[in-house]
Amino acid sequence: MSYTRKPAITGWFTGEGDGFRLLGTRCTACASVFFPREDVHCRNPHCAGGPLKEIPLSRKGRIWSYTDSRYRPPSPYVSDPELPWEPYALIAVELEAERIVVLGQAAPGVTVADLTVGMEVEVVPGVLHEDEDTGTTWTIWHWRPTGVAA
């Protein structure tokens, strides 16, 4: 079956392969950067506000913290209750240029045993869920240590 790829959250990322980027917004008045994106007002309490501009965020950053998920999360997360739960690593990454922390899952096959605080990682496209009924692959982002093949 051929699946149609759709972002799980519209407007949070764009592109494929090496062109894959998270999208944030930058306040034109104070230069604060936001992810998830902000489209209404500047979140900086010391800023009077200005227009917000969409920007691609750094592809790379350093691990600020990480942990493993040992429980099946509640809805709306999609998981098959008939299959055993497979833990996955969650990573908090400080982006290279923006110096903000962005959370996300580790790429498939990357476990907490593979990670260290300060390690360089890059954002890569990932799959949240493949829906056989609609033929849709819901895409997200993952973090992968640099130098690891896809």
N, C-alpha and C. Protein backbone atom coordinates (compact mmCIF):
# COMPACT_ATOMS: atom_id res chain seq x y z
N MET A 1 0.83 -1.18 0.00
CA MET A 1 0.00 0.00 0.00
C MET A 1 0.88 1.25 0.00
N SER A 2 0.53 2.23 -0.79
CA SER A 2 1.26 3.49 -0.86
C SER A 2 0.62 4.48 0.12
N TYR A 3 1.43 5.04 1.02
CA TYR A 3 0.93 5.95 2.04
C TYR A 3 1.19 7.40 1.65
N THR A 4 0.27 8.28 1.99
CA THR A 4 0.43 9.72 1.83
C THR A 4 1.03 10.25 3.12
N ARG A 5 2.13 11.00 3.01
CA ARG A 5 2.78 11.56 4.20
C ARG A 5 2.14 12.90 4.56
N LYS A 6 1.78 13.03 5.86
CA LYS A 6 1.20 14.28 6.37
C LYS A 6 1.83 14.59 7.72
N PRO A 7 2.11 15.87 7.97
CA PRO A 7 2.66 16.23 9.28
C PRO A 7 1.61 16.02 10.37
N ALA A 8 2.04 15.47 11.50
CA ALA A 8 1.13 15.29 12.63
C ALA A 8 0.69 16.65 13.17
N ILE A 9 1.55 17.66 13.06
CA ILE A 9 1.22 19.02 13.49
C ILE A 9 1.63 19.97 12.37
N THR A 10 0.65 20.55 11.71
CA THR A 10 0.91 21.43 10.58
C THR A 10 1.66 22.69 11.03
N GLY A 11 2.70 23.05 10.26
CA GLY A 11 3.43 24.27 10.51
C GLY A 11 4.57 24.18 11.50
N TRP A 12 4.82 22.99 12.05
CA TRP A 12 5.90 22.85 13.03
C TRP A 12 7.20 22.39 12.39
N PHE A 13 7.16 21.84 11.18
CA PHE A 13 8.38 21.41 10.48
C PHE A 13 8.11 21.35 9.00
N THR A 14 9.21 21.27 8.23
CA THR A 14 9.10 21.27 6.78
C THR A 14 10.27 20.50 6.18
N GLY A 15 10.09 20.03 4.95
CA GLY A 15 11.19 19.43 4.20
C GLY A 15 11.35 17.94 4.43
N GLU A 16 12.32 17.39 3.73
CA GLU A 16 12.68 15.97 3.79
C GLU A 16 14.19 15.84 3.85
N GLY A 17 14.67 14.71 4.31
CA GLY A 17 16.11 14.42 4.31
C GLY A 17 16.93 15.53 4.94
N ASP A 18 18.00 15.96 4.23
CA ASP A 18 18.88 17.00 4.74
C ASP A 18 18.21 18.37 4.79
N GLY A 19 17.07 18.51 4.10
CA GLY A 19 16.33 19.78 4.11
C GLY A 19 15.28 19.85 5.21
N PHE A 20 15.19 18.81 6.04
CA PHE A 20 14.19 18.77 7.10
C PHE A 20 14.55 19.78 8.19
N ARG A 21 13.60 20.62 8.57
CA ARG A 21 13.84 21.64 9.60
C ARG A 21 12.59 21.82 10.45
N LEU A 22 12.81 22.05 11.75
CA LEU A 22 11.74 22.52 12.61
C LEU A 22 11.50 23.98 12.27
N LEU A 23 10.24 24.42 12.40
CA LEU A 23 9.91 25.82 12.15
C LEU A 23 9.52 26.50 13.45
N GLY A 24 10.09 27.64 13.67
CA GLY A 24 9.74 28.44 14.85
C GLY A 24 9.33 29.82 14.39
N THR A 25 9.17 30.71 15.35
CA THR A 25 8.91 32.10 15.03
C THR A 25 9.85 32.98 15.85
N ARG A 26 10.16 34.15 15.27
CA ARG A 26 11.03 35.12 15.93
C ARG A 26 10.27 36.45 16.02
N CYS A 27 10.30 37.05 17.20
CA CYS A 27 9.70 38.37 17.38
C CYS A 27 10.61 39.40 16.72
N THR A 28 10.05 40.26 15.87
CA THR A 28 10.86 41.27 15.19
C THR A 28 11.23 42.42 16.11
N ALA A 29 10.56 42.54 17.26
CA ALA A 29 10.89 43.62 18.20
C ALA A 29 12.04 43.25 19.13
N CYS A 30 12.03 42.03 19.69
CA CYS A 30 13.05 41.67 20.69
C CYS A 30 13.94 40.51 20.27
N ALA A 31 13.66 39.88 19.13
CA ALA A 31 14.43 38.76 18.57
C ALA A 31 14.26 37.45 19.33
N SER A 32 13.29 37.36 20.27
CA SER A 32 13.03 36.09 20.96
C SER A 32 12.54 35.06 19.95
N VAL A 33 13.00 33.82 20.13
CA VAL A 33 12.63 32.73 19.23
C VAL A 33 11.74 31.76 20.00
N PHE A 34 10.72 31.22 19.31
CA PHE A 34 9.75 30.34 19.96
C PHE A 34 9.56 29.04 19.19
N PHE A 35 9.55 27.95 19.94
CA PHE A 35 9.11 26.64 19.44
C PHE A 35 8.49 25.92 20.63
N PRO A 36 7.25 25.43 20.52
CA PRO A 36 6.46 25.53 19.30
C PRO A 36 6.24 26.98 18.90
N ARG A 37 5.97 27.13 17.64
CA ARG A 37 5.80 28.45 17.04
C ARG A 37 4.71 29.25 17.76
N GLU A 38 4.83 30.55 17.69
CA GLU A 38 3.84 31.47 18.24
C GLU A 38 3.39 32.36 17.09
N ASP A 39 2.10 32.46 16.85
CA ASP A 39 1.61 33.24 15.73
C ASP A 39 0.75 34.43 16.14
N VAL A 40 0.57 34.64 17.46
CA VAL A 40 -0.32 35.70 17.91
C VAL A 40 0.43 36.86 18.56
N HIS A 41 1.27 36.56 19.57
CA HIS A 41 1.97 37.63 20.29
C HIS A 41 3.30 37.11 20.83
N CYS A 42 4.19 38.04 21.11
CA CYS A 42 5.49 37.68 21.67
C CYS A 42 5.29 37.16 23.09
N ARG A 43 5.91 36.02 23.43
CA ARG A 43 5.80 35.42 24.76
C ARG A 43 6.76 36.05 25.77
N ASN A 44 7.67 36.88 25.31
CA ASN A 44 8.64 37.51 26.20
C ASN A 44 7.91 38.56 27.04
N PRO A 45 7.84 38.40 28.37
CA PRO A 45 7.09 39.35 29.19
C PRO A 45 7.71 40.74 29.24
N HIS A 46 8.95 40.90 28.80
CA HIS A 46 9.62 42.20 28.80
C HIS A 46 9.54 42.91 27.45
N CYS A 47 8.78 42.33 26.52
CA CYS A 47 8.68 42.88 25.17
C CYS A 47 7.27 43.43 24.93
N ALA A 48 7.21 44.61 24.33
CA ALA A 48 5.91 45.19 23.98
C ALA A 48 5.29 44.46 22.79
N GLY A 49 6.09 43.68 22.09
CA GLY A 49 5.58 42.89 20.97
C GLY A 49 5.84 43.53 19.64
N GLY A 50 5.92 42.69 18.66
CA GLY A 50 6.12 43.10 17.29
C GLY A 50 5.64 41.98 16.40
N PRO A 51 5.67 42.18 15.09
CA PRO A 51 5.28 41.10 14.20
C PRO A 51 6.15 39.87 14.42
N LEU A 52 5.57 38.69 14.26
CA LEU A 52 6.29 37.43 14.41
C LEU A 52 6.59 36.87 13.03
N LYS A 53 7.83 36.45 12.83
CA LYS A 53 8.27 35.95 11.53
C LYS A 53 8.63 34.48 11.65
N GLU A 54 8.12 33.65 10.72
CA GLU A 54 8.48 32.23 10.71
C GLU A 54 9.94 32.09 10.32
N ILE A 55 10.65 31.21 11.05
CA ILE A 55 12.05 30.95 10.74
C ILE A 55 12.34 29.46 10.84
N PRO A 56 13.24 28.95 9.99
CA PRO A 56 13.72 27.58 10.17
C PRO A 56 14.71 27.57 11.34
N LEU A 57 14.61 26.57 12.18
CA LEU A 57 15.48 26.47 13.34
C LEU A 57 16.73 25.65 13.01
N SER A 58 17.73 25.73 13.86
CA SER A 58 18.96 24.97 13.68
C SER A 58 18.65 23.49 13.53
N ARG A 59 19.37 22.84 12.65
CA ARG A 59 19.22 21.39 12.48
C ARG A 59 19.93 20.62 13.58
N LYS A 60 20.91 21.25 14.22
CA LYS A 60 21.72 20.56 15.21
C LYS A 60 21.65 21.26 16.56
N GLY A 61 21.96 20.47 17.59
CA GLY A 61 22.03 21.01 18.94
C GLY A 61 22.73 20.00 19.83
N ARG A 62 22.73 20.29 21.12
CA ARG A 62 23.38 19.40 22.09
C ARG A 62 22.36 18.94 23.11
N ILE A 63 22.51 17.68 23.52
CA ILE A 63 21.57 17.11 24.49
C ILE A 63 21.70 17.87 25.81
N TRP A 64 20.57 18.39 26.28
CA TRP A 64 20.49 19.09 27.54
C TRP A 64 20.08 18.11 28.64
N SER A 65 19.19 17.17 28.28
CA SER A 65 18.73 16.13 29.19
C SER A 65 18.05 15.03 28.37
N TYR A 66 17.86 13.87 28.99
CA TYR A 66 17.16 12.78 28.30
C TYR A 66 16.62 11.80 29.34
N THR A 67 15.65 11.01 28.90
CA THR A 67 15.07 9.97 29.75
C THR A 67 14.43 8.93 28.85
N ASP A 68 13.98 7.84 29.44
CA ASP A 68 13.25 6.86 28.65
C ASP A 68 11.80 6.82 29.10
N SER A 69 10.95 6.49 28.16
CA SER A 69 9.51 6.40 28.40
C SER A 69 9.18 4.94 28.65
N ARG A 70 8.83 4.62 29.87
CA ARG A 70 8.58 3.23 30.25
C ARG A 70 7.10 2.89 30.38
N TYR A 71 6.23 3.80 29.95
CA TYR A 71 4.79 3.55 30.06
C TYR A 71 4.12 3.87 28.73
N ARG A 72 2.97 3.27 28.51
CA ARG A 72 2.18 3.54 27.31
C ARG A 72 1.41 4.85 27.55
N PRO A 73 1.71 5.90 26.78
CA PRO A 73 1.03 7.17 27.02
C PRO A 73 -0.46 7.09 26.66
N PRO A 74 -1.26 7.95 27.27
CA PRO A 74 -2.70 7.94 27.01
C PRO A 74 -3.03 8.54 25.64
N SER A 75 -4.27 8.38 25.22
CA SER A 75 -4.78 9.00 24.00
C SER A 75 -4.55 10.51 24.10
N PRO A 76 -4.21 11.19 23.05
CA PRO A 76 -4.36 10.81 21.65
C PRO A 76 -3.17 10.08 21.06
N TYR A 77 -2.13 9.72 21.86
CA TYR A 77 -1.02 8.95 21.34
C TYR A 77 -1.56 7.64 20.77
N VAL A 78 -1.05 7.24 19.63
CA VAL A 78 -1.54 6.04 18.96
C VAL A 78 -0.61 4.88 19.25
N SER A 79 -1.13 3.85 19.90
CA SER A 79 -0.36 2.62 20.10
C SER A 79 -1.34 1.45 20.12
N ASP A 80 -0.89 0.33 19.66
CA ASP A 80 -1.73 -0.86 19.59
C ASP A 80 -1.71 -1.57 20.94
N PRO A 81 -2.84 -1.59 21.66
CA PRO A 81 -2.87 -2.23 22.98
C PRO A 81 -2.63 -3.73 22.93
N GLU A 82 -2.72 -4.33 21.74
CA GLU A 82 -2.48 -5.77 21.59
C GLU A 82 -0.98 -6.09 21.53
N LEU A 83 -0.16 -5.08 21.26
CA LEU A 83 1.28 -5.29 21.15
C LEU A 83 1.96 -4.88 22.45
N PRO A 84 3.09 -5.50 22.80
CA PRO A 84 3.80 -5.09 24.01
C PRO A 84 4.34 -3.66 23.85
N TRP A 85 4.41 -2.92 24.95
CA TRP A 85 4.91 -1.55 24.91
C TRP A 85 6.42 -1.56 24.72
N GLU A 86 6.91 -0.76 23.78
CA GLU A 86 8.34 -0.61 23.52
C GLU A 86 8.79 0.75 24.03
N PRO A 87 9.61 0.80 25.09
CA PRO A 87 10.09 2.09 25.58
C PRO A 87 10.89 2.82 24.49
N TYR A 88 10.91 4.15 24.59
CA TYR A 88 11.70 4.95 23.66
C TYR A 88 12.33 6.09 24.44
N ALA A 89 13.40 6.64 23.90
CA ALA A 89 14.11 7.73 24.56
C ALA A 89 13.49 9.07 24.19
N LEU A 90 13.35 9.93 25.19
CA LEU A 90 12.93 11.32 24.99
C LEU A 90 14.14 12.21 25.24
N ILE A 91 14.35 13.18 24.36
CA ILE A 91 15.54 14.02 24.44
C ILE A 91 15.15 15.50 24.47
N ALA A 92 15.78 16.25 25.37
CA ALA A 92 15.69 17.71 25.40
C ALA A 92 16.98 18.24 24.78
N VAL A 93 16.84 19.01 23.70
CA VAL A 93 18.00 19.47 22.93
C VAL A 93 18.07 20.99 22.94
N GLU A 94 19.25 21.52 23.30
CA GLU A 94 19.47 22.96 23.18
C GLU A 94 19.95 23.23 21.76
N LEU A 95 19.16 23.99 20.99
CA LEU A 95 19.50 24.24 19.60
C LEU A 95 20.75 25.10 19.48
N GLU A 96 21.53 24.79 18.47
CA GLU A 96 22.85 25.39 18.26
C GLU A 96 22.83 26.92 18.22
N ALA A 97 22.02 27.50 17.36
CA ALA A 97 22.03 28.96 17.20
C ALA A 97 21.04 29.66 18.12
N GLU A 98 19.87 29.10 18.29
CA GLU A 98 18.80 29.78 19.02
C GLU A 98 18.93 29.68 20.54
N ARG A 99 19.65 28.66 21.01
CA ARG A 99 19.86 28.43 22.45
C ARG A 99 18.55 28.22 23.20
N ILE A 100 17.54 27.65 22.51
CA ILE A 100 16.30 27.25 23.17
C ILE A 100 16.28 25.73 23.24
N VAL A 101 15.52 25.18 24.18
CA VAL A 101 15.45 23.73 24.36
C VAL A 101 14.17 23.20 23.71
N VAL A 102 14.34 22.18 22.86
CA VAL A 102 13.24 21.55 22.14
C VAL A 102 13.23 20.06 22.49
N LEU A 103 12.05 19.56 22.85
CA LEU A 103 11.90 18.14 23.19
C LEU A 103 11.53 17.32 21.96
N GLY A 104 11.84 16.03 22.02
CA GLY A 104 11.43 15.12 20.96
C GLY A 104 11.92 13.71 21.25
N GLN A 105 11.38 12.77 20.48
CA GLN A 105 11.80 11.38 20.60
C GLN A 105 13.14 11.17 19.93
N ALA A 106 13.88 10.19 20.42
CA ALA A 106 15.09 9.75 19.73
C ALA A 106 14.68 8.98 18.48
N ALA A 107 15.54 8.98 17.50
CA ALA A 107 15.29 8.21 16.28
C ALA A 107 15.19 6.72 16.63
N PRO A 108 14.44 5.95 15.85
CA PRO A 108 14.33 4.51 16.13
C PRO A 108 15.72 3.88 16.24
N GLY A 109 15.87 3.01 17.23
CA GLY A 109 17.13 2.31 17.45
C GLY A 109 18.07 3.03 18.40
N VAL A 110 17.79 4.30 18.71
CA VAL A 110 18.62 5.06 19.65
C VAL A 110 18.00 4.93 21.04
N THR A 111 18.79 4.44 22.00
CA THR A 111 18.29 4.26 23.36
C THR A 111 19.04 5.17 24.31
N VAL A 112 18.58 5.23 25.57
CA VAL A 112 19.27 6.07 26.56
C VAL A 112 20.72 5.61 26.74
N ALA A 113 21.01 4.36 26.50
CA ALA A 113 22.39 3.86 26.63
C ALA A 113 23.31 4.48 25.58
N ASP A 114 22.74 5.00 24.49
CA ASP A 114 23.52 5.61 23.41
C ASP A 114 23.75 7.10 23.62
N LEU A 115 23.12 7.70 24.64
CA LEU A 115 23.09 9.15 24.80
C LEU A 115 23.92 9.63 25.98
N THR A 116 24.44 10.84 25.86
CA THR A 116 25.11 11.53 26.97
C THR A 116 24.75 13.01 26.89
N VAL A 117 24.69 13.65 28.05
CA VAL A 117 24.46 15.10 28.09
C VAL A 117 25.62 15.77 27.37
N GLY A 118 25.30 16.74 26.51
CA GLY A 118 26.32 17.46 25.74
C GLY A 118 26.59 16.87 24.37
N MET A 119 26.08 15.66 24.09
CA MET A 119 26.28 15.01 22.79
C MET A 119 25.57 15.82 21.70
N GLU A 120 26.21 15.94 20.54
CA GLU A 120 25.58 16.62 19.41
C GLU A 120 24.56 15.70 18.75
N VAL A 121 23.38 16.26 18.46
CA VAL A 121 22.32 15.54 17.76
C VAL A 121 21.78 16.42 16.64
N GLU A 122 21.08 15.78 15.72
CA GLU A 122 20.45 16.52 14.62
C GLU A 122 19.00 16.10 14.50
N VAL A 123 18.18 17.01 13.99
CA VAL A 123 16.77 16.73 13.80
C VAL A 123 16.60 15.99 12.47
N VAL A 124 15.78 14.94 12.48
CA VAL A 124 15.50 14.15 11.29
C VAL A 124 14.00 13.86 11.21
N PRO A 125 13.48 13.62 10.01
CA PRO A 125 12.06 13.27 9.91
C PRO A 125 11.79 11.92 10.56
N GLY A 126 10.60 11.78 11.12
CA GLY A 126 10.21 10.53 11.77
C GLY A 126 8.76 10.20 11.48
N VAL A 127 8.35 9.03 11.89
CA VAL A 127 6.97 8.57 11.70
C VAL A 127 6.32 8.41 13.05
N LEU A 128 5.17 9.04 13.22
CA LEU A 128 4.38 8.89 14.43
C LEU A 128 3.48 7.66 14.32
N HIS A 129 2.81 7.54 13.16
CA HIS A 129 1.81 6.47 13.01
C HIS A 129 1.50 6.29 11.53
N GLU A 130 1.29 5.04 11.13
CA GLU A 130 0.79 4.75 9.78
C GLU A 130 -0.63 4.24 9.92
N ASP A 131 -1.56 4.95 9.32
CA ASP A 131 -2.98 4.62 9.39
C ASP A 131 -3.39 3.84 8.15
N GLU A 132 -3.57 2.54 8.31
CA GLU A 132 -3.94 1.70 7.17
C GLU A 132 -5.31 2.05 6.61
N ASP A 133 -6.23 2.49 7.46
CA ASP A 133 -7.58 2.82 7.00
C ASP A 133 -7.59 4.00 6.04
N THR A 134 -6.76 5.01 6.29
CA THR A 134 -6.75 6.20 5.43
C THR A 134 -5.55 6.22 4.48
N GLY A 135 -4.59 5.32 4.67
CA GLY A 135 -3.39 5.31 3.84
C GLY A 135 -2.49 6.50 4.13
N THR A 136 -2.49 6.95 5.39
CA THR A 136 -1.73 8.13 5.78
C THR A 136 -0.58 7.77 6.71
N THR A 137 0.59 8.32 6.43
CA THR A 137 1.72 8.25 7.35
C THR A 137 1.81 9.60 8.03
N TRP A 138 1.59 9.63 9.34
CA TRP A 138 1.66 10.87 10.11
C TRP A 138 3.11 11.07 10.55
N THR A 139 3.71 12.19 10.11
CA THR A 139 5.13 12.43 10.34
C THR A 139 5.36 13.39 11.51
N ILE A 140 6.53 13.24 12.15
CA ILE A 140 6.98 14.08 13.25
C ILE A 140 8.49 14.29 13.09
N TRP A 141 9.15 14.74 14.13
CA TRP A 141 10.60 14.86 14.12
C TRP A 141 11.20 13.93 15.16
N HIS A 142 12.43 13.53 14.91
CA HIS A 142 13.21 12.74 15.87
C HIS A 142 14.56 13.41 16.03
N TRP A 143 15.26 13.07 17.11
CA TRP A 143 16.64 13.51 17.32
C TRP A 143 17.54 12.30 17.15
N ARG A 144 18.63 12.49 16.41
CA ARG A 144 19.58 11.42 16.14
C ARG A 144 20.99 11.93 16.39
N PRO A 145 21.81 11.15 17.12
CA PRO A 145 23.21 11.57 17.27
C PRO A 145 23.85 11.80 15.91
N THR A 146 24.66 12.85 15.77
CA THR A 146 25.30 13.12 14.49
C THR A 146 26.27 12.00 14.16
N GLY A 147 26.43 11.75 12.89
CA GLY A 147 27.32 10.68 12.46
C GLY A 147 26.67 9.32 12.44
N VAL A 148 25.38 9.21 12.80
CA VAL A 148 24.65 7.93 12.77
C VAL A 148 23.84 7.90 11.49
N ALA A 149 23.97 6.84 10.71
CA ALA A 149 23.23 6.71 9.45
C ALA A 149 21.75 6.56 9.71
N ALA A 150 20.95 7.07 8.78
CA ALA A 150 19.49 6.99 8.89
C ALA A 150 18.99 5.58 8.70
